[in-house]
Each structure stands twice: as C-alpha cells, then as structure tokens.
Amino acid sequence: QASQALQHARAARDPAELNRVTELWFATNSRDDALWLLGEWHLEQGRPSRARECWSRLHRAASENASARLIFPDTTIPLVEIHARLLLCTIAETRWEIAEREL
C-alpha cells in the first residue's frame, strides 16, 4: 500500500499525498522516498528550509533537533547523501560560513 501510494503521489506530483505516505507508513522505505522527493520538490520551488525539514527527518545524525521528532533509524539512504542535500539547502540560503563548515 505504501509503495502504491508513493507511486501515485509521484506521478500526480501531489505533496499532500507524499505527506500522507510519511505519516501513515512511518517505518517503511516508501516513507523515506517520500521525504526525499518532497525535499527535492521544495528545493526546486525555492524553499530550501522546507527541503531541509524533509531531509533532516531521514536520519537522526542529520537532524538539528533529533529529540523533538520521530526518526525511523533504518533508512536505506546513505547519510553522506543526506548531508550533501542539506549542504545544498545551506548554499541555496546563501549561508556561506555555515556551508563551508558543513562541507
């Protein structure tokens, strides 16, 4: 069900459906894929802070405030890829000193 909902949301470019996948199927790879895709869409639309919120939810080590949110510990997305996406957000926000430190 999660995979089908993800495929439908991706085809329809429906962020509300992707959010539904992240909430209903918390402990699935589909949830991670939905967060990844939501982050991509937010970044494409010039909302790097929203993209950061999505990608930070993928792994506890990538989250700025891990204790305040639920994070499923077994993502299949490599942490280095998550950190690279977060760096893109920082660059898009033109926070150069922070980007240099993140790099």
C-alpha atoms as a PDB file:
ATOM      1  CA  GLN A   1       0.000   0.000   0.000  1.00  0.00           C
ATOM      2  CA  ALA A   2       2.764   2.423   0.894  1.00  0.00           C
ATOM      3  CA  SER A   3       4.583   1.771  -2.368  1.00  0.00           C
ATOM      4  CA  GLN A   4       1.419   2.241  -4.409  1.00  0.00           C
ATOM      5  CA  ALA A   5       0.568   5.482  -2.612  1.00  0.00           C
ATOM      6  CA  LEU A   6       4.119   6.726  -3.213  1.00  0.00           C
ATOM      7  CA  GLN A   7       3.951   5.885  -6.920  1.00  0.00           C
ATOM      8  CA  HIS A   8       0.586   7.624  -7.232  1.00  0.00           C
ATOM      9  CA  ALA A   9       1.827  10.748  -5.420  1.00  0.00           C
ATOM     10  CA  ARG A  10       4.978  10.877  -7.538  1.00  0.00           C
ATOM     11  CA  ALA A  11       3.034  10.562 -10.794  1.00  0.00           C
ATOM     12  CA  ALA A  12       0.499  13.189  -9.716  1.00  0.00           C
ATOM     13  CA  ARG A  13       3.181  15.463  -8.177  1.00  0.00           C
ATOM     14  CA  ASP A  14       0.951  15.592  -5.128  1.00  0.00           C
ATOM     15  CA  PRO A  15       2.777  16.832  -1.993  1.00  0.00           C
ATOM     16  CA  ALA A  16      -0.260  16.216   0.223  1.00  0.00           C
ATOM     17  CA  GLU A  17      -0.236  12.551  -0.774  1.00  0.00           C
ATOM     18  CA  LEU A  18       3.504  12.345  -0.128  1.00  0.00           C
ATOM     19  CA  ASN A  19       2.940  13.798   3.345  1.00  0.00           C
ATOM     20  CA  ARG A  20       0.264  11.161   3.870  1.00  0.00           C
ATOM     21  CA  VAL A  21       2.789   8.443   2.991  1.00  0.00           C
ATOM     22  CA  THR A  22       5.243   9.852   5.551  1.00  0.00           C
ATOM     23  CA  GLU A  23       2.598   9.791   8.279  1.00  0.00           C
ATOM     24  CA  LEU A  24       0.791   6.513   7.571  1.00  0.00           C
ATOM     25  CA  TRP A  25       3.784   4.371   6.677  1.00  0.00           C
ATOM     26  CA  PHE A  26       6.364   5.712   9.100  1.00  0.00           C
ATOM     27  CA  ALA A  27       8.560   2.602   9.261  1.00  0.00           C
ATOM     28  CA  THR A  28       8.924   1.939   5.533  1.00  0.00           C
ATOM     29  CA  ASN A  29      11.321   2.757   2.732  1.00  0.00           C
ATOM     30  CA  SER A  30       8.379   4.419   0.994  1.00  0.00           C
ATOM     31  CA  ARG A  31       8.315   6.998   3.778  1.00  0.00           C
ATOM     32  CA  ASP A  32      11.988   7.752   3.203  1.00  0.00           C
ATOM     33  CA  ASP A  33      11.448   8.003  -0.551  1.00  0.00           C
ATOM     34  CA  ALA A  34       8.501  10.351   0.025  1.00  0.00           C
ATOM     35  CA  LEU A  35      10.598  12.616   2.280  1.00  0.00           C
ATOM     36  CA  TRP A  36      13.427  12.598  -0.252  1.00  0.00           C
ATOM     37  CA  LEU A  37      11.059  13.540  -3.074  1.00  0.00           C
ATOM     38  CA  LEU A  38       9.314  16.224  -1.015  1.00  0.00           C
ATOM     39  CA  GLY A  39      12.719  17.730  -0.287  1.00  0.00           C
ATOM     40  CA  GLU A  40      13.577  17.721  -3.991  1.00  0.00           C
ATOM     41  CA  TRP A  41      10.314  19.454  -4.871  1.00  0.00           C
ATOM     42  CA  HIS A  42      10.752  22.077  -2.152  1.00  0.00           C
ATOM     43  CA  LEU A  43      14.290  22.841  -3.298  1.00  0.00           C
ATOM     44  CA  GLU A  44      13.168  23.069  -6.943  1.00  0.00           C
ATOM     45  CA  GLN A  45      10.497  25.561  -5.881  1.00  0.00           C
ATOM     46  CA  GLY A  46      12.949  27.756  -3.984  1.00  0.00           C
ATOM     47  CA  ARG A  47      12.048  26.618  -0.466  1.00  0.00           C
ATOM     48  CA  PRO A  48      15.348  25.288   0.894  1.00  0.00           C
ATOM     49  CA  SER A  49      14.253  25.480   4.540  1.00  0.00           C
ATOM     50  CA  ARG A  50      11.295  23.197   3.784  1.00  0.00           C
ATOM     51  CA  ALA A  51      13.603  20.845   1.877  1.00  0.00           C
ATOM     52  CA  ARG A  52      15.919  20.796   4.910  1.00  0.00           C
ATOM     53  CA  GLU A  53      12.988  19.837   7.145  1.00  0.00           C
ATOM     54  CA  CYS A  54      12.230  16.834   4.945  1.00  0.00           C
ATOM     55  CA  TRP A  55      15.792  15.616   4.557  1.00  0.00           C
ATOM     56  CA  SER A  56      16.587  16.130   8.241  1.00  0.00           C
ATOM     57  CA  ARG A  57      13.830  13.667   9.098  1.00  0.00           C
ATOM     58  CA  LEU A  58      15.643  10.876   7.267  1.00  0.00           C
ATOM     59  CA  HIS A  59      18.379  10.191   9.815  1.00  0.00           C
ATOM     60  CA  ARG A  60      18.969  11.152  13.439  1.00  0.00           C
ATOM     61  CA  ALA A  61      22.552  12.259  12.694  1.00  0.00           C
ATOM     62  CA  ALA A  62      21.238  14.678  10.047  1.00  0.00           C
ATOM     63  CA  SER A  63      18.580  16.210  12.264  1.00  0.00           C
ATOM     64  CA  GLU A  64      19.191  19.509  14.007  1.00  0.00           C
ATOM     65  CA  ASN A  65      16.771  18.573  16.778  1.00  0.00           C
ATOM     66  CA  ALA A  66      16.545  14.785  16.765  1.00  0.00           C
ATOM     67  CA  SER A  67      14.999  14.540  20.208  1.00  0.00           C
ATOM     68  CA  ALA A  68      11.991  16.607  19.133  1.00  0.00           C
ATOM     69  CA  ARG A  69      10.867  14.369  16.275  1.00  0.00           C
ATOM     70  CA  LEU A  70      10.384  10.744  15.435  1.00  0.00           C
ATOM     71  CA  ILE A  71      13.068   9.410  13.127  1.00  0.00           C
ATOM     72  CA  PHE A  72      12.999   5.840  11.880  1.00  0.00           C
ATOM     73  CA  PRO A  73      16.525   4.526  12.436  1.00  0.00           C
ATOM     74  CA  ASP A  74      16.865   2.193   9.449  1.00  0.00           C
ATOM     75  CA  THR A  75      16.834   4.385   6.361  1.00  0.00           C
ATOM     76  CA  THR A  76      18.475   2.908   3.286  1.00  0.00           C
ATOM     77  CA  ILE A  77      19.541   6.358   2.108  1.00  0.00           C
ATOM     78  CA  PRO A  78      23.254   6.831   2.824  1.00  0.00           C
ATOM     79  CA  LEU A  79      23.969   9.523   5.412  1.00  0.00           C
ATOM     80  CA  VAL A  80      26.528  11.138   3.090  1.00  0.00           C
ATOM     81  CA  GLU A  81      23.773  11.737   0.502  1.00  0.00           C
ATOM     82  CA  ILE A  82      21.521  13.265   3.141  1.00  0.00           C
ATOM     83  CA  HIS A  83      24.304  15.581   4.302  1.00  0.00           C
ATOM     84  CA  ALA A  84      25.012  16.582   0.683  1.00  0.00           C
ATOM     85  CA  ARG A  85      21.367  17.580   0.237  1.00  0.00           C
ATOM     86  CA  LEU A  86      21.424  19.556   3.476  1.00  0.00           C
ATOM     87  CA  LEU A  87      24.530  21.355   2.223  1.00  0.00           C
ATOM     88  CA  LEU A  88      22.631  22.274  -0.954  1.00  0.00           C
ATOM     89  CA  CYS A  89      19.963  23.842   1.234  1.00  0.00           C
ATOM     90  CA  THR A  90      22.540  25.886   3.105  1.00  0.00           C
ATOM     91  CA  ILE A  91      24.053  27.072  -0.173  1.00  0.00           C
ATOM     92  CA  ALA A  92      20.601  27.953  -1.538  1.00  0.00           C
ATOM     93  CA  GLU A  93      20.039  30.018   1.602  1.00  0.00           C
ATOM     94  CA  THR A  94      23.375  31.784   0.892  1.00  0.00           C
ATOM     95  CA  ARG A  95      24.691  30.981   4.365  1.00  0.00           C
ATOM     96  CA  TRP A  96      28.283  30.728   3.171  1.00  0.00           C
ATOM     97  CA  GLU A  97      30.109  30.384   6.509  1.00  0.00           C
ATOM     98  CA  ILE A  98      27.808  27.591   7.595  1.00  0.00           C
ATOM     99  CA  ALA A  99      28.119  25.916   4.179  1.00  0.00           C
ATOM    100  CA  GLU A 100      31.890  25.987   4.465  1.00  0.00           C
ATOM    101  CA  ARG A 101      31.701  24.381   7.909  1.00  0.00           C
ATOM    102  CA  GLU A 102      29.208  21.742   6.674  1.00  0.00           C
ATOM    103  CA  LEU A 103      31.439  20.951   3.716  1.00  0.00           C
END
